[in-house]
Amino acid sequence: MTTLYGIKNCDTVKKARNYLDNHSIDHDFHDYRSDGLTQIQLKSWVVELGWETLINKRSATWRQLPDVLKGNLDEVEAIKVMLEQPTLIKRPLLELDGSYYLGFSIQDYDAIFFGAD
């Protein structure tokens, strides 16, 4: 099963959802904010992708964090903050057959789903 994680109003998530729909790829959509996340779920992403990769440092949420927190972030604190403020997580996050892919581009999704380069 394919699951796309993100937030509904994100333009990049909308593009990814449209791609999946237009290519008739069966998937579930999981909204970080409205559907929530568990610590176990987030830890599995951290193991696969790394907490540094998951944090969206270009987000307004990141810019609003206290500098002392940003400067002293480690894995444990990053997970805590991402659970409290899921908009810190880069998006979209695609889960397919136990593998995770962060971000969206047509070329990447073509390669993931159809083996195209």
C-alpha atoms as a PDB file:
ATOM      1  CA  MET A   1       0.000   0.000   0.000  1.00  0.00           C
ATOM      2  CA  THR A   2       1.085   3.532  -0.741  1.00  0.00           C
ATOM      3  CA  THR A   3       0.610   6.296   1.814  1.00  0.00           C
ATOM      4  CA  LEU A   4       1.279   9.974   1.221  1.00  0.00           C
ATOM      5  CA  TYR A   5       1.891  12.071   4.337  1.00  0.00           C
ATOM      6  CA  GLY A   6       1.676  15.844   4.441  1.00  0.00           C
ATOM      7  CA  ILE A   7      -0.773  18.660   5.054  1.00  0.00           C
ATOM      8  CA  LYS A   8      -3.775  19.328   2.849  1.00  0.00           C
ATOM      9  CA  ASN A   9      -3.062  22.950   2.016  1.00  0.00           C
ATOM     10  CA  CYS A  10       0.594  22.494   0.992  1.00  0.00           C
ATOM     11  CA  ASP A  11       1.076  23.161  -2.739  1.00  0.00           C
ATOM     12  CA  THR A  12       3.736  20.464  -3.118  1.00  0.00           C
ATOM     13  CA  VAL A  13       1.509  17.915  -1.391  1.00  0.00           C
ATOM     14  CA  LYS A  14      -1.311  18.893  -3.756  1.00  0.00           C
ATOM     15  CA  LYS A  15       1.002  18.259  -6.732  1.00  0.00           C
ATOM     16  CA  ALA A  16       1.980  14.846  -5.366  1.00  0.00           C
ATOM     17  CA  ARG A  17      -1.656  13.921  -4.719  1.00  0.00           C
ATOM     18  CA  ASN A  18      -2.599  15.015  -8.248  1.00  0.00           C
ATOM     19  CA  TYR A  19       0.239  12.933  -9.681  1.00  0.00           C
ATOM     20  CA  LEU A  20      -0.947   9.835  -7.827  1.00  0.00           C
ATOM     21  CA  ASP A  21      -4.556  10.433  -8.838  1.00  0.00           C
ATOM     22  CA  ASN A  22      -3.700  11.168 -12.486  1.00  0.00           C
ATOM     23  CA  HIS A  23      -1.637   7.963 -12.701  1.00  0.00           C
ATOM     24  CA  SER A  24      -4.361   5.908 -10.963  1.00  0.00           C
ATOM     25  CA  ILE A  25      -2.005   4.952  -8.143  1.00  0.00           C
ATOM     26  CA  ASP A  26      -4.053   3.669  -5.215  1.00  0.00           C
ATOM     27  CA  HIS A  27      -2.986   5.469  -2.039  1.00  0.00           C
ATOM     28  CA  ASP A  28      -4.075   6.773   1.316  1.00  0.00           C
ATOM     29  CA  PHE A  29      -3.491  10.376   2.332  1.00  0.00           C
ATOM     30  CA  HIS A  30      -2.509  11.053   5.932  1.00  0.00           C
ATOM     31  CA  ASP A  31      -2.606  14.675   7.074  1.00  0.00           C
ATOM     32  CA  TYR A  32       0.060  15.395   9.707  1.00  0.00           C
ATOM     33  CA  ARG A  33      -2.162  17.923  11.432  1.00  0.00           C
ATOM     34  CA  SER A  34      -5.659  16.492  11.322  1.00  0.00           C
ATOM     35  CA  ASP A  35      -4.783  12.775  11.458  1.00  0.00           C
ATOM     36  CA  GLY A  36      -1.855  13.182  13.853  1.00  0.00           C
ATOM     37  CA  LEU A  37       1.372  11.212  14.200  1.00  0.00           C
ATOM     38  CA  THR A  38       2.639   8.758  16.762  1.00  0.00           C
ATOM     39  CA  GLN A  39       6.080   8.718  18.280  1.00  0.00           C
ATOM     40  CA  ILE A  40       6.609   5.204  16.885  1.00  0.00           C
ATOM     41  CA  GLN A  41       5.693   6.382  13.385  1.00  0.00           C
ATOM     42  CA  LEU A  42       7.991   9.379  13.579  1.00  0.00           C
ATOM     43  CA  LYS A  43      10.863   7.314  15.001  1.00  0.00           C
ATOM     44  CA  SER A  44      10.614   4.901  12.061  1.00  0.00           C
ATOM     45  CA  TRP A  45      10.976   7.863   9.692  1.00  0.00           C
ATOM     46  CA  VAL A  46      13.951   9.132  11.669  1.00  0.00           C
ATOM     47  CA  VAL A  47      15.626   5.707  11.453  1.00  0.00           C
ATOM     48  CA  GLU A  48      15.086   5.590   7.688  1.00  0.00           C
ATOM     49  CA  LEU A  49      15.708   9.240   6.742  1.00  0.00           C
ATOM     50  CA  GLY A  50      17.431  10.942   9.687  1.00  0.00           C
ATOM     51  CA  TRP A  51      15.904  13.648  11.851  1.00  0.00           C
ATOM     52  CA  GLU A  52      17.975  16.374  10.173  1.00  0.00           C
ATOM     53  CA  THR A  53      16.484  15.445   6.796  1.00  0.00           C
ATOM     54  CA  LEU A  54      12.919  15.432   8.125  1.00  0.00           C
ATOM     55  CA  ILE A  55      12.997  18.940   9.561  1.00  0.00           C
ATOM     56  CA  ASN A  56      11.902  21.638   7.159  1.00  0.00           C
ATOM     57  CA  LYS A  57      14.253  24.496   7.968  1.00  0.00           C
ATOM     58  CA  ARG A  58      12.580  26.688   5.352  1.00  0.00           C
ATOM     59  CA  SER A  59       9.214  26.585   7.135  1.00  0.00           C
ATOM     60  CA  ALA A  60       7.629  29.430   9.060  1.00  0.00           C
ATOM     61  CA  THR A  61       7.340  27.027  11.994  1.00  0.00           C
ATOM     62  CA  TRP A  62      11.139  26.554  12.032  1.00  0.00           C
ATOM     63  CA  ARG A  63      11.750  30.306  11.885  1.00  0.00           C
ATOM     64  CA  GLN A  64       9.449  30.802  14.891  1.00  0.00           C
ATOM     65  CA  LEU A  65      11.324  28.342  17.110  1.00  0.00           C
ATOM     66  CA  PRO A  66      13.612  29.883  19.720  1.00  0.00           C
ATOM     67  CA  ASP A  67      17.215  30.109  18.518  1.00  0.00           C
ATOM     68  CA  VAL A  68      18.419  28.244  21.606  1.00  0.00           C
ATOM     69  CA  LEU A  69      16.213  25.286  20.667  1.00  0.00           C
ATOM     70  CA  LYS A  70      17.335  25.331  17.030  1.00  0.00           C
ATOM     71  CA  GLY A  71      20.970  25.494  18.068  1.00  0.00           C
ATOM     72  CA  ASN A  72      20.780  22.595  20.535  1.00  0.00           C
ATOM     73  CA  LEU A  73      18.505  20.216  18.644  1.00  0.00           C
ATOM     74  CA  ASP A  74      19.251  16.507  18.849  1.00  0.00           C
ATOM     75  CA  GLU A  75      17.258  13.457  17.768  1.00  0.00           C
ATOM     76  CA  VAL A  76      15.199  13.158  20.956  1.00  0.00           C
ATOM     77  CA  GLU A  77      14.307  16.851  21.034  1.00  0.00           C
ATOM     78  CA  ALA A  78      13.653  16.913  17.266  1.00  0.00           C
ATOM     79  CA  ILE A  79      11.135  14.091  17.573  1.00  0.00           C
ATOM     80  CA  LYS A  80       9.439  15.860  20.475  1.00  0.00           C
ATOM     81  CA  VAL A  81       9.201  19.146  18.565  1.00  0.00           C
ATOM     82  CA  MET A  82       7.978  17.468  15.342  1.00  0.00           C
ATOM     83  CA  LEU A  83       5.245  15.680  17.314  1.00  0.00           C
ATOM     84  CA  GLU A  84       4.180  18.972  18.878  1.00  0.00           C
ATOM     85  CA  GLN A  85       4.447  20.913  15.610  1.00  0.00           C
ATOM     86  CA  PRO A  86       4.060  18.528  12.663  1.00  0.00           C
ATOM     87  CA  THR A  87       4.333  21.358  10.139  1.00  0.00           C
ATOM     88  CA  LEU A  88       8.079  21.175  10.851  1.00  0.00           C
ATOM     89  CA  ILE A  89       8.209  17.906   8.909  1.00  0.00           C
ATOM     90  CA  LYS A  90       9.181  18.196   5.262  1.00  0.00           C
ATOM     91  CA  ARG A  91       6.496  17.178   2.869  1.00  0.00           C
ATOM     92  CA  PRO A  92       5.269  15.246   1.152  1.00  0.00           C
ATOM     93  CA  LEU A  93       6.539  11.994   2.582  1.00  0.00           C
ATOM     94  CA  LEU A  94       5.713   8.970   0.467  1.00  0.00           C
ATOM     95  CA  GLU A  95       5.671   5.500   2.003  1.00  0.00           C
ATOM     96  CA  LEU A  96       5.782   2.627  -0.468  1.00  0.00           C
ATOM     97  CA  ASP A  97       6.525  -0.999   0.411  1.00  0.00           C
ATOM     98  CA  GLY A  98       8.374  -0.054   3.602  1.00  0.00           C
ATOM     99  CA  SER A  99      10.533   2.597   1.901  1.00  0.00           C
ATOM    100  CA  TYR A 100      10.216   6.341   2.388  1.00  0.00           C
ATOM    101  CA  TYR A 101      10.690   9.147  -0.120  1.00  0.00           C
ATOM    102  CA  LEU A 102      10.753  12.790   0.885  1.00  0.00           C
ATOM    103  CA  GLY A 103       9.672  15.620  -1.409  1.00  0.00           C
ATOM    104  CA  PHE A 104       8.060  15.570  -4.811  1.00  0.00           C
ATOM    105  CA  SER A 105       9.157  15.866  -8.398  1.00  0.00           C
ATOM    106  CA  ILE A 106       7.590  14.300 -11.454  1.00  0.00           C
ATOM    107  CA  GLN A 107      10.923  12.720 -12.400  1.00  0.00           C
ATOM    108  CA  ASP A 108      11.379  11.146  -8.970  1.00  0.00           C
ATOM    109  CA  TYR A 109       7.841   9.775  -8.864  1.00  0.00           C
ATOM    110  CA  ASP A 110       8.191   8.440 -12.421  1.00  0.00           C
ATOM    111  CA  ALA A 111      11.317   6.590 -11.284  1.00  0.00           C
ATOM    112  CA  ILE A 112       9.684   5.316  -8.091  1.00  0.00           C
ATOM    113  CA  PHE A 113       6.525   4.035  -9.737  1.00  0.00           C
ATOM    114  CA  PHE A 114       7.556   3.238 -13.299  1.00  0.00           C
ATOM    115  CA  GLY A 115      11.327   2.800 -13.211  1.00  0.00           C
ATOM    116  CA  ALA A 116      11.790   5.761 -15.553  1.00  0.00           C
ATOM    117  CA  ASP A 117      15.013   7.761 -15.322  1.00  0.00           C
END
